[in-house]
Amino acid sequence: MGALRFEKVDALLRQAGVALAPPSEVGESSYLQSVLDALCDLSTTDSLTGLMNRRAFWHVLEQALDRVSRGGEHALLLALDIDHFKRINDNYGHPAGDHVLRVVTQRLRQAVRPMDDVARVGGEEFAVLCPNCPPSFAAAVAHRARTAVESEPIELPGHAPIVVTISVGGAFAAPWVKSELSDWLARADRQLYRAKQEGRNCVRLEPVVSADVSAEEKGLLFGWSAADEQVTEQGQSA
């Protein structure tokens, strides 16, 4: 790779916050592989927060819907929005707003389980996928994220600390049903809108409809017979 081309590639990557060793140090083939790896990361990662971006998160949600439809597990989608974020940018400047986004990211990561996926899906909008989350736990999970964000004032360089809050909306994917991603997202967004309309800094969750599946329904889904189900239950109780 010519020196001029290396300088252009290096400059573009540095603008995105990526610094690579030059070809003269690692060899051209290793450098090219590093460039490809960096580009893959940039295509799925939000450069400001280090979270998954919208595109990558939508892919994760599609996979979650497939698991829900096949295995009947509960998956909770939380939509989160920083309250009055525009005021932060207007009053303290965009660098302060970026700092708030990073702090909120850190607090959300600390509030959720290791298996949960956190993403930044818009300017001040975040989302969390909570797989294997029973409905009885949903309110606790959502409130833990909300309280984690407002737990302490956020220090702003050159300004007094500010308290930041979030509004949270949530919806479950329907177990045993192949749902549309757009529908799941819309239902979580509707609950977020409710939280905004009803005062902010609160949680609103969609009511969960029971989706118990009988042995006969499992048979239709997976080709099991009632006898197979009975043998399975006897084996588990043995």
Protein backbone atom coordinates (compact mmCIF):
# COMPACT_ATOMS: atom_id res chain seq x y z
CA MET A 1 0.00 0.00 0.00
CA GLY A 2 1.40 3.39 -0.98
CA ALA A 3 2.28 5.93 1.69
CA LEU A 4 -0.37 8.38 0.46
CA ARG A 5 -3.13 5.77 0.56
CA PHE A 6 -2.05 4.69 4.04
CA GLU A 7 -2.23 8.31 5.23
CA LYS A 8 -5.78 8.71 3.86
CA VAL A 9 -7.00 5.46 5.39
CA ASP A 10 -5.28 6.22 8.67
CA ALA A 11 -6.80 9.71 8.79
CA LEU A 12 -10.32 8.38 8.20
CA LEU A 13 -9.97 5.70 10.87
CA ARG A 14 -8.57 8.17 13.39
CA GLN A 15 -11.58 10.43 12.82
CA ALA A 16 -13.68 7.46 13.90
CA GLY A 17 -11.49 6.92 16.97
CA VAL A 18 -9.48 3.98 15.59
CA ALA A 19 -5.68 4.00 15.65
CA LEU A 20 -3.76 1.24 13.83
CA ALA A 21 -0.07 0.47 13.65
CA PRO A 22 1.31 1.45 10.20
CA PRO A 23 2.14 -1.18 7.54
CA SER A 24 5.85 -0.54 8.07
CA GLU A 25 5.54 -1.99 11.59
CA VAL A 26 3.11 -4.89 11.14
CA GLY A 27 3.36 -5.73 7.43
CA GLU A 28 0.92 -4.86 4.68
CA SER A 29 -1.22 -8.02 4.94
CA SER A 30 -1.64 -7.64 8.72
CA TYR A 31 -2.45 -3.96 8.28
CA LEU A 32 -5.11 -4.70 5.66
CA GLN A 33 -6.69 -7.29 7.96
CA SER A 34 -6.70 -4.74 10.78
CA VAL A 35 -8.42 -2.24 8.50
CA LEU A 36 -11.11 -4.79 7.58
CA ASP A 37 -11.66 -5.69 11.23
CA ALA A 38 -11.92 -2.02 12.16
CA LEU A 39 -14.44 -1.35 9.40
CA CYS A 40 -16.57 -4.30 10.56
CA ASP A 41 -16.54 -2.95 14.11
CA LEU A 42 -17.44 0.55 12.95
CA SER A 43 -20.38 -0.76 10.94
CA THR A 44 -21.96 -2.31 14.06
CA THR A 45 -20.78 -0.02 16.88
CA ASP A 46 -21.79 3.46 17.95
CA SER A 47 -18.53 5.40 17.96
CA LEU A 48 -19.50 7.75 20.81
CA THR A 49 -20.67 5.19 23.39
CA GLY A 50 -19.16 1.92 22.18
CA LEU A 51 -22.61 0.30 22.24
CA MET A 52 -24.20 -1.60 19.40
CA ASN A 53 -25.72 0.70 16.85
CA ARG A 54 -29.25 0.45 15.48
CA ARG A 55 -28.30 -1.81 12.59
CA ALA A 56 -26.52 -4.38 14.75
CA PHE A 57 -29.21 -4.30 17.43
CA TRP A 58 -32.01 -4.96 14.93
CA HIS A 59 -30.12 -8.10 13.87
CA VAL A 60 -29.87 -9.24 17.50
CA LEU A 61 -33.61 -8.64 17.95
CA GLU A 62 -34.41 -10.76 14.89
CA GLN A 63 -32.42 -13.61 16.42
CA ALA A 64 -34.25 -13.16 19.72
CA LEU A 65 -37.62 -13.35 17.96
CA ASP A 66 -36.57 -16.63 16.37
CA ARG A 67 -35.65 -18.09 19.78
CA VAL A 68 -38.93 -16.90 21.28
CA SER A 69 -40.96 -18.46 18.49
CA ARG A 70 -39.12 -21.79 18.69
CA GLY A 71 -38.52 -22.18 22.41
CA GLY A 72 -41.23 -20.10 24.03
CA GLU A 73 -38.83 -18.14 26.22
CA HIS A 74 -39.74 -14.63 27.33
CA ALA A 75 -37.78 -11.74 25.83
CA LEU A 76 -38.30 -8.19 27.02
CA LEU A 77 -37.48 -5.16 24.88
CA LEU A 78 -36.95 -1.88 26.71
CA ALA A 79 -37.00 1.47 24.90
CA LEU A 80 -35.26 4.23 26.89
CA ASP A 81 -34.99 7.95 26.27
CA ILE A 82 -33.04 10.62 28.18
CA ASP A 83 -35.50 13.20 29.49
CA HIS A 84 -35.07 16.79 28.25
CA PHE A 85 -31.80 15.97 26.52
CA LYS A 86 -32.14 18.94 24.18
CA ARG A 87 -31.96 21.24 27.20
CA ILE A 88 -28.61 19.72 28.15
CA ASN A 89 -27.18 20.45 24.71
CA ASP A 90 -28.71 23.95 24.63
CA ASN A 91 -27.63 24.93 28.14
CA TYR A 92 -24.21 23.28 28.39
CA GLY A 93 -23.13 22.56 24.82
CA HIS A 94 -22.82 19.41 22.74
CA PRO A 95 -19.57 18.22 24.40
CA ALA A 96 -21.50 18.12 27.68
CA GLY A 97 -24.30 16.23 25.94
CA ASP A 98 -21.78 13.69 24.64
CA HIS A 99 -20.41 13.28 28.17
CA VAL A 100 -23.91 12.63 29.50
CA LEU A 101 -24.48 9.98 26.83
CA ARG A 102 -21.28 8.19 27.86
CA VAL A 103 -22.20 8.28 31.55
CA VAL A 104 -25.72 7.02 30.87
CA THR A 105 -24.19 4.22 28.79
CA GLN A 106 -21.94 3.20 31.65
CA ARG A 107 -24.79 3.20 34.16
CA LEU A 108 -27.07 1.18 31.92
CA ARG A 109 -24.38 -1.41 31.37
CA GLN A 110 -23.89 -1.73 35.10
CA ALA A 111 -27.64 -2.03 35.72
CA VAL A 112 -28.39 -4.89 33.33
CA ARG A 113 -27.36 -8.53 33.37
CA PRO A 114 -24.30 -9.76 31.41
CA MET A 115 -26.63 -11.57 28.99
CA ASP A 116 -28.62 -8.41 28.20
CA ASP A 117 -27.81 -6.35 25.11
CA VAL A 118 -27.67 -2.55 25.29
CA ALA A 119 -27.71 -0.38 22.17
CA ARG A 120 -27.82 3.26 21.23
CA VAL A 121 -30.51 3.51 18.57
CA GLY A 122 -30.83 7.27 18.18
CA GLY A 123 -29.53 10.59 19.46
CA GLU A 124 -30.59 10.21 23.11
CA GLU A 125 -32.42 6.91 22.58
CA PHE A 126 -31.25 3.58 23.95
CA ALA A 127 -32.69 0.08 23.91
CA VAL A 128 -32.11 -3.04 25.97
CA LEU A 129 -32.91 -6.63 25.04
CA CYS A 130 -33.48 -8.85 28.08
CA PRO A 131 -33.66 -12.52 27.02
CA ASN A 132 -34.99 -15.15 29.41
CA CYS A 133 -36.76 -12.46 31.42
CA PRO A 134 -40.03 -13.69 32.97
CA PRO A 135 -42.85 -11.15 33.09
CA SER A 136 -42.72 -11.16 36.89
CA PHE A 137 -39.20 -9.68 36.69
CA ALA A 138 -39.90 -7.07 34.02
CA ALA A 139 -40.80 -4.16 36.29
CA ALA A 140 -37.77 -4.74 38.51
CA VAL A 141 -35.44 -4.88 35.49
CA ALA A 142 -36.85 -1.69 33.98
CA HIS A 143 -36.84 0.25 37.25
CA ARG A 144 -33.27 -0.84 37.97
CA ALA A 145 -32.16 0.77 34.70
CA ARG A 146 -34.14 3.93 35.45
CA THR A 147 -32.84 4.35 38.99
CA ALA A 148 -29.26 3.59 37.94
CA VAL A 149 -29.25 6.58 35.60
CA GLU A 150 -30.54 9.06 38.19
CA SER A 151 -28.57 7.53 41.08
CA GLU A 152 -26.01 10.35 41.19
CA PRO A 153 -25.68 13.79 39.60
CA ILE A 154 -23.45 13.79 36.55
CA GLU A 155 -20.34 15.96 36.74
CA LEU A 156 -19.98 18.35 33.80
CA PRO A 157 -16.62 19.99 33.12
CA GLY A 158 -16.94 23.68 33.88
CA HIS A 159 -20.50 23.40 35.17
CA ALA A 160 -22.37 22.31 38.27
CA PRO A 161 -23.42 18.62 38.39
CA ILE A 162 -26.83 17.84 36.91
CA VAL A 163 -29.36 15.09 37.61
CA VAL A 164 -30.27 13.13 34.49
CA THR A 165 -33.32 10.89 34.24
CA ILE A 166 -34.74 8.52 31.65
CA SER A 167 -38.18 7.35 30.62
CA VAL A 168 -38.63 3.64 29.92
CA GLY A 169 -41.15 1.67 27.91
CA GLY A 170 -41.23 -2.08 27.50
CA ALA A 171 -42.93 -4.90 25.62
CA PHE A 172 -42.50 -8.66 25.43
CA ALA A 173 -42.20 -10.70 22.27
CA ALA A 174 -45.07 -13.19 22.11
CA PRO A 175 -43.82 -16.72 22.98
CA TRP A 176 -44.35 -19.49 20.41
CA VAL A 177 -45.30 -16.92 17.77
CA LYS A 178 -43.18 -15.67 14.89
CA SER A 179 -43.70 -11.96 15.45
CA GLU A 180 -42.69 -9.10 13.22
CA LEU A 181 -39.79 -7.01 14.47
CA SER A 182 -41.54 -3.80 13.47
CA ASP A 183 -44.52 -4.72 15.66
CA TRP A 184 -42.33 -5.46 18.70
CA LEU A 185 -40.47 -2.19 18.29
CA ALA A 186 -43.70 -0.23 17.84
CA ARG A 187 -45.22 -1.69 21.00
CA ALA A 188 -42.16 -0.82 23.09
CA ASP A 189 -42.16 2.68 21.60
CA ARG A 190 -45.82 3.15 22.49
CA GLN A 191 -45.03 2.38 26.12
CA LEU A 192 -42.11 4.81 26.03
CA TYR A 193 -44.45 7.48 24.66
CA ARG A 194 -46.82 6.76 27.56
CA ALA A 195 -43.98 7.23 30.03
CA LYS A 196 -43.13 10.57 28.42
CA GLN A 197 -46.74 11.70 28.42
CA GLU A 198 -47.31 10.68 32.03
CA GLY A 199 -44.52 12.70 33.55
CA ARG A 200 -41.17 11.23 32.46
CA ASN A 201 -38.66 9.49 34.74
CA CYS A 202 -40.99 6.51 34.97
CA VAL A 203 -41.55 3.04 33.54
CA ARG A 204 -44.52 1.88 31.50
CA LEU A 205 -44.77 -1.78 30.47
CA GLU A 206 -47.22 -3.40 28.12
CA PRO A 207 -49.56 -5.87 29.87
CA VAL A 208 -48.46 -9.45 29.27
CA VAL A 209 -50.98 -11.84 27.75
CA SER A 210 -50.66 -15.41 28.97
CA ALA A 211 -49.21 -17.66 26.30
CA ASP A 212 -49.29 -21.08 27.97
CA VAL A 213 -48.93 -23.83 25.38
CA SER A 214 -50.73 -27.14 25.84
CA ALA A 215 -49.36 -30.53 24.86
CA GLU A 216 -51.69 -30.59 21.85
CA GLU A 217 -50.45 -27.17 20.70
CA LYS A 218 -46.84 -28.29 21.11
CA GLY A 219 -47.72 -31.26 18.94
CA LEU A 220 -48.91 -28.95 16.20
CA LEU A 221 -45.79 -26.83 16.54
CA PHE A 222 -43.17 -29.58 16.73
CA GLY A 223 -44.83 -32.79 15.62
CA TRP A 224 -44.95 -34.23 19.16
CA SER A 225 -47.77 -36.51 20.20
CA ALA A 226 -49.57 -36.45 23.54
CA ALA A 227 -47.90 -39.77 24.35
CA ASP A 228 -44.48 -38.24 23.72
CA GLU A 229 -45.34 -35.39 26.09
CA GLN A 230 -46.46 -37.86 28.77
CA VAL A 231 -43.25 -39.88 28.44
CA THR A 232 -41.21 -36.67 28.70
CA GLU A 233 -43.02 -35.59 31.87
CA GLN A 234 -42.61 -39.05 33.42
CA GLY A 235 -38.92 -39.01 32.62
CA GLN A 236 -38.49 -35.61 34.26
CA SER A 237 -40.29 -36.75 37.43
CA ALA A 238 -38.41 -40.04 37.67
